[in-house]
N, C-alpha and C. Protein backbone atom coordinates (compact mmCIF):
# COMPACT_ATOMS: atom_id res chain seq x y z
N UNK A 1 -115.05 -34.85 -25.52
CA UNK A 1 -113.65 -34.56 -25.28
C UNK A 1 -113.48 -33.11 -24.88
N UNK A 2 -112.53 -32.86 -24.06
CA UNK A 2 -112.19 -31.49 -23.64
C UNK A 2 -110.73 -31.24 -23.96
N UNK A 3 -110.46 -30.04 -24.41
CA UNK A 3 -109.08 -29.65 -24.72
C UNK A 3 -108.80 -28.32 -24.06
N UNK A 4 -107.72 -28.25 -23.34
CA UNK A 4 -107.31 -26.99 -22.71
C UNK A 4 -106.35 -26.29 -23.66
N UNK A 5 -106.45 -24.98 -23.72
CA UNK A 5 -105.58 -24.17 -24.55
C UNK A 5 -104.77 -23.28 -23.63
N UNK A 6 -103.61 -22.84 -24.07
CA UNK A 6 -102.81 -21.94 -23.24
C UNK A 6 -103.53 -20.61 -23.06
N UNK A 7 -103.13 -19.87 -22.04
CA UNK A 7 -103.73 -18.55 -21.79
C UNK A 7 -103.47 -17.64 -22.99
N UNK A 8 -104.49 -16.90 -23.37
CA UNK A 8 -104.41 -15.90 -24.44
C UNK A 8 -103.90 -16.44 -25.78
N UNK A 9 -104.43 -17.56 -26.27
CA UNK A 9 -104.00 -17.99 -27.61
C UNK A 9 -104.55 -17.02 -28.64
N UNK A 10 -103.91 -16.88 -29.79
CA UNK A 10 -104.43 -15.99 -30.83
C UNK A 10 -105.85 -16.39 -31.24
N UNK A 11 -106.69 -15.39 -31.48
CA UNK A 11 -108.10 -15.65 -31.81
C UNK A 11 -108.23 -16.53 -33.05
N UNK A 12 -107.47 -16.24 -34.08
CA UNK A 12 -107.56 -17.03 -35.31
C UNK A 12 -107.14 -18.48 -35.08
N UNK A 13 -106.15 -18.69 -34.24
CA UNK A 13 -105.69 -20.05 -33.92
C UNK A 13 -106.80 -20.81 -33.20
N UNK A 14 -107.45 -20.16 -32.27
CA UNK A 14 -108.54 -20.80 -31.53
C UNK A 14 -109.69 -21.14 -32.48
N UNK A 15 -110.03 -20.23 -33.38
CA UNK A 15 -111.11 -20.48 -34.34
C UNK A 15 -110.76 -21.63 -35.27
N UNK A 16 -109.53 -21.65 -35.77
CA UNK A 16 -109.10 -22.72 -36.66
C UNK A 16 -109.11 -24.07 -35.95
N UNK A 17 -108.62 -24.10 -34.74
CA UNK A 17 -108.59 -25.35 -33.95
C UNK A 17 -110.01 -25.84 -33.66
N UNK A 18 -110.90 -24.91 -33.35
CA UNK A 18 -112.30 -25.27 -33.09
C UNK A 18 -112.93 -25.89 -34.32
N UNK A 19 -112.63 -25.31 -35.47
CA UNK A 19 -113.17 -25.84 -36.73
C UNK A 19 -112.60 -27.22 -37.03
N UNK A 20 -111.29 -27.39 -36.87
CA UNK A 20 -110.64 -28.68 -37.13
C UNK A 20 -111.24 -29.78 -36.28
N UNK A 21 -111.55 -29.44 -35.02
CA UNK A 21 -112.05 -30.44 -34.08
C UNK A 21 -113.55 -30.64 -34.18
N UNK A 22 -114.24 -29.78 -34.93
CA UNK A 22 -115.69 -29.87 -34.98
C UNK A 22 -116.31 -29.58 -33.62
N UNK A 23 -115.79 -28.54 -32.98
CA UNK A 23 -116.21 -28.21 -31.61
C UNK A 23 -117.72 -28.02 -31.51
N UNK A 24 -118.27 -28.51 -30.43
CA UNK A 24 -119.69 -28.31 -30.11
C UNK A 24 -119.85 -27.18 -29.10
N UNK A 25 -118.92 -27.09 -28.16
CA UNK A 25 -118.92 -26.06 -27.12
C UNK A 25 -117.50 -25.52 -27.00
N UNK A 26 -117.38 -24.20 -27.01
CA UNK A 26 -116.08 -23.55 -26.82
C UNK A 26 -116.24 -22.60 -25.64
N UNK A 27 -115.41 -22.78 -24.62
CA UNK A 27 -115.45 -21.92 -23.45
C UNK A 27 -114.18 -21.09 -23.43
N UNK A 28 -114.36 -19.79 -23.38
CA UNK A 28 -113.23 -18.85 -23.33
C UNK A 28 -113.22 -18.22 -21.94
N UNK A 29 -112.16 -18.45 -21.19
CA UNK A 29 -112.06 -17.92 -19.84
C UNK A 29 -111.41 -16.54 -19.87
N UNK A 30 -111.84 -15.66 -18.97
CA UNK A 30 -111.25 -14.32 -18.87
C UNK A 30 -110.90 -14.02 -17.42
N UNK A 31 -109.89 -13.18 -17.27
CA UNK A 31 -109.50 -12.77 -15.92
C UNK A 31 -109.37 -11.26 -15.81
N UNK A 32 -109.61 -10.56 -16.92
CA UNK A 32 -109.48 -9.10 -16.91
C UNK A 32 -110.36 -8.51 -18.00
N UNK A 33 -110.51 -7.19 -17.98
CA UNK A 33 -111.29 -6.51 -19.02
C UNK A 33 -110.64 -6.68 -20.39
N UNK A 34 -109.33 -6.64 -20.42
CA UNK A 34 -108.61 -6.82 -21.69
C UNK A 34 -108.84 -8.23 -22.23
N UNK A 35 -108.78 -9.22 -21.36
CA UNK A 35 -109.02 -10.60 -21.79
C UNK A 35 -110.46 -10.77 -22.26
N UNK A 36 -111.40 -10.09 -21.62
CA UNK A 36 -112.81 -10.17 -22.03
C UNK A 36 -112.99 -9.60 -23.43
N UNK A 37 -112.33 -8.50 -23.73
CA UNK A 37 -112.41 -7.91 -25.07
C UNK A 37 -111.84 -8.87 -26.12
N UNK A 38 -110.72 -9.49 -25.79
CA UNK A 38 -110.11 -10.46 -26.71
C UNK A 38 -111.03 -11.66 -26.87
N UNK A 39 -111.67 -12.09 -25.80
CA UNK A 39 -112.58 -13.24 -25.86
C UNK A 39 -113.77 -12.95 -26.76
N UNK A 40 -114.26 -11.72 -26.75
CA UNK A 40 -115.38 -11.34 -27.64
C UNK A 40 -114.96 -11.50 -29.10
N UNK A 41 -113.77 -11.04 -29.44
CA UNK A 41 -113.27 -11.17 -30.81
C UNK A 41 -113.09 -12.65 -31.16
N UNK A 42 -112.52 -13.41 -30.24
CA UNK A 42 -112.34 -14.84 -30.48
C UNK A 42 -113.68 -15.52 -30.68
N UNK A 43 -114.68 -15.16 -29.87
CA UNK A 43 -116.01 -15.75 -30.00
C UNK A 43 -116.59 -15.48 -31.38
N UNK A 44 -116.43 -14.26 -31.89
CA UNK A 44 -116.93 -13.94 -33.23
C UNK A 44 -116.25 -14.80 -34.30
N UNK A 45 -114.94 -14.97 -34.19
CA UNK A 45 -114.21 -15.78 -35.17
C UNK A 45 -114.58 -17.25 -35.07
N UNK A 46 -114.72 -17.76 -33.85
CA UNK A 46 -115.11 -19.16 -33.67
C UNK A 46 -116.49 -19.38 -34.27
N UNK A 47 -117.40 -18.48 -33.96
CA UNK A 47 -118.77 -18.65 -34.47
C UNK A 47 -118.81 -18.58 -35.99
N UNK A 48 -117.97 -17.74 -36.60
CA UNK A 48 -117.91 -17.66 -38.05
C UNK A 48 -117.36 -18.96 -38.65
N UNK A 49 -116.43 -19.60 -37.94
CA UNK A 49 -115.82 -20.85 -38.41
C UNK A 49 -116.67 -22.07 -38.11
N UNK A 50 -117.35 -22.05 -36.96
CA UNK A 50 -118.15 -23.19 -36.51
C UNK A 50 -119.50 -22.66 -36.02
N UNK A 51 -120.39 -22.29 -36.94
CA UNK A 51 -121.64 -21.64 -36.53
C UNK A 51 -122.53 -22.48 -35.62
N UNK A 52 -122.38 -23.78 -35.68
CA UNK A 52 -123.22 -24.64 -34.82
C UNK A 52 -122.69 -24.77 -33.40
N UNK A 53 -121.50 -24.27 -33.13
CA UNK A 53 -120.91 -24.38 -31.80
C UNK A 53 -121.52 -23.36 -30.84
N UNK A 54 -121.63 -23.76 -29.60
CA UNK A 54 -122.01 -22.85 -28.52
C UNK A 54 -120.72 -22.24 -27.99
N UNK A 55 -120.64 -20.92 -27.99
CA UNK A 55 -119.44 -20.23 -27.51
C UNK A 55 -119.81 -19.48 -26.24
N UNK A 56 -119.12 -19.80 -25.15
CA UNK A 56 -119.36 -19.16 -23.86
C UNK A 56 -118.10 -18.44 -23.42
N UNK A 57 -118.30 -17.26 -22.86
CA UNK A 57 -117.17 -16.51 -22.30
C UNK A 57 -117.33 -16.52 -20.79
N UNK A 58 -116.35 -17.12 -20.12
CA UNK A 58 -116.37 -17.18 -18.67
C UNK A 58 -115.91 -15.87 -18.08
N UNK A 59 -116.62 -15.41 -17.11
CA UNK A 59 -116.27 -14.18 -16.41
C UNK A 59 -115.37 -14.48 -15.23
N UNK A 60 -114.57 -13.51 -14.79
CA UNK A 60 -113.74 -13.75 -13.60
C UNK A 60 -114.61 -14.25 -12.45
N UNK A 61 -114.18 -15.30 -11.81
CA UNK A 61 -114.92 -15.85 -10.68
C UNK A 61 -115.86 -16.98 -11.04
N UNK A 62 -116.14 -17.19 -12.34
CA UNK A 62 -116.99 -18.31 -12.73
C UNK A 62 -116.27 -19.61 -12.41
N UNK A 63 -117.01 -20.57 -11.92
CA UNK A 63 -116.44 -21.88 -11.69
C UNK A 63 -116.70 -22.75 -12.93
N UNK A 64 -116.02 -23.87 -13.00
CA UNK A 64 -116.24 -24.81 -14.09
C UNK A 64 -117.70 -25.28 -14.08
N UNK A 65 -118.25 -25.48 -12.91
CA UNK A 65 -119.65 -25.89 -12.79
C UNK A 65 -120.57 -24.82 -13.39
N UNK A 66 -120.30 -23.54 -13.11
CA UNK A 66 -121.09 -22.45 -13.70
C UNK A 66 -121.06 -22.52 -15.22
N UNK A 67 -119.86 -22.69 -15.77
CA UNK A 67 -119.71 -22.72 -17.22
C UNK A 67 -120.37 -23.94 -17.84
N UNK A 68 -120.24 -25.08 -17.20
CA UNK A 68 -120.88 -26.29 -17.71
C UNK A 68 -122.40 -26.16 -17.67
N UNK A 69 -122.93 -25.57 -16.61
CA UNK A 69 -124.37 -25.34 -16.52
C UNK A 69 -124.84 -24.42 -17.65
N UNK A 70 -124.10 -23.35 -17.89
CA UNK A 70 -124.46 -22.43 -18.97
C UNK A 70 -124.39 -23.11 -20.32
N UNK A 71 -123.37 -23.93 -20.53
CA UNK A 71 -123.23 -24.64 -21.80
C UNK A 71 -124.40 -25.60 -22.01
N UNK A 72 -124.78 -26.32 -20.97
CA UNK A 72 -125.89 -27.27 -21.08
C UNK A 72 -127.19 -26.55 -21.40
N UNK A 73 -127.39 -25.38 -20.81
CA UNK A 73 -128.62 -24.62 -21.05
C UNK A 73 -128.65 -24.02 -22.45
N UNK A 74 -127.49 -23.62 -22.97
CA UNK A 74 -127.44 -22.91 -24.24
C UNK A 74 -127.31 -23.82 -25.45
N UNK A 75 -126.81 -25.03 -25.30
CA UNK A 75 -126.53 -25.88 -26.46
C UNK A 75 -127.76 -26.08 -27.36
N UNK A 76 -128.93 -26.48 -26.86
CA UNK A 76 -130.07 -26.64 -27.77
C UNK A 76 -130.50 -25.31 -28.38
N UNK A 77 -130.47 -24.25 -27.60
CA UNK A 77 -130.85 -22.90 -28.06
C UNK A 77 -129.88 -22.44 -29.16
N UNK A 78 -128.60 -22.67 -28.98
CA UNK A 78 -127.60 -22.25 -29.95
C UNK A 78 -127.78 -23.01 -31.26
N UNK A 79 -128.10 -24.27 -31.16
CA UNK A 79 -128.30 -25.06 -32.36
C UNK A 79 -129.44 -24.50 -33.19
N UNK A 80 -130.55 -24.16 -32.54
CA UNK A 80 -131.69 -23.57 -33.26
C UNK A 80 -131.32 -22.21 -33.83
N UNK A 81 -130.66 -21.37 -33.05
CA UNK A 81 -130.33 -20.02 -33.48
C UNK A 81 -129.35 -20.03 -34.65
N UNK A 82 -128.39 -20.93 -34.64
CA UNK A 82 -127.38 -20.93 -35.69
C UNK A 82 -127.98 -21.32 -37.04
N UNK A 83 -129.06 -22.06 -37.03
CA UNK A 83 -129.71 -22.42 -38.29
C UNK A 83 -130.46 -21.23 -38.88
N UNK A 84 -130.92 -20.32 -38.04
CA UNK A 84 -131.71 -19.21 -38.54
C UNK A 84 -130.92 -17.92 -38.67
N UNK A 85 -129.93 -17.71 -37.82
CA UNK A 85 -129.16 -16.47 -37.86
C UNK A 85 -127.78 -16.71 -37.28
N UNK A 86 -126.79 -16.98 -38.14
CA UNK A 86 -125.46 -17.34 -37.64
C UNK A 86 -124.85 -16.33 -36.68
N UNK A 87 -125.16 -15.06 -36.78
CA UNK A 87 -124.55 -14.07 -35.89
C UNK A 87 -125.25 -13.98 -34.54
N UNK A 88 -126.35 -14.67 -34.37
CA UNK A 88 -127.15 -14.48 -33.16
C UNK A 88 -126.48 -14.97 -31.88
N UNK A 89 -125.53 -15.87 -31.95
CA UNK A 89 -124.89 -16.38 -30.74
C UNK A 89 -123.62 -15.65 -30.37
N UNK A 90 -123.09 -14.84 -31.24
CA UNK A 90 -121.78 -14.24 -30.98
C UNK A 90 -121.78 -13.34 -29.75
N UNK A 91 -122.58 -12.30 -29.71
CA UNK A 91 -122.56 -11.38 -28.59
C UNK A 91 -123.20 -11.93 -27.34
N UNK A 92 -124.37 -12.59 -27.43
CA UNK A 92 -124.99 -13.09 -26.20
C UNK A 92 -124.16 -14.13 -25.49
N UNK A 93 -123.16 -14.70 -26.12
CA UNK A 93 -122.37 -15.73 -25.48
C UNK A 93 -121.70 -15.24 -24.21
N UNK A 94 -121.48 -13.95 -24.11
CA UNK A 94 -120.79 -13.44 -22.94
C UNK A 94 -121.75 -13.11 -21.80
N UNK A 95 -123.02 -13.20 -22.05
CA UNK A 95 -124.01 -12.87 -21.02
C UNK A 95 -124.41 -14.11 -20.26
N UNK A 96 -124.79 -13.92 -19.02
CA UNK A 96 -125.30 -15.04 -18.21
C UNK A 96 -126.73 -15.27 -18.51
């Protein structure tokens, strides 16, 4: 299932919703440097709430195909990493 959220939802709301849904992959889209900074904070909160989830931050210009490819590549890696070090996926999520 996929769920779209409004632009710039509060980080805590996104984390809580991700936890309620048992999210496996959370994609945070950005269109500016300010949005990217907010997405980093949201990613940390989501990962704290749902450590097994893969959290990806989309950069300006990324297509849905780009994000889906990244999610598919990271999902098994994130699952292994979250079992050994819950914080390991938070920052790298924004990297390609």
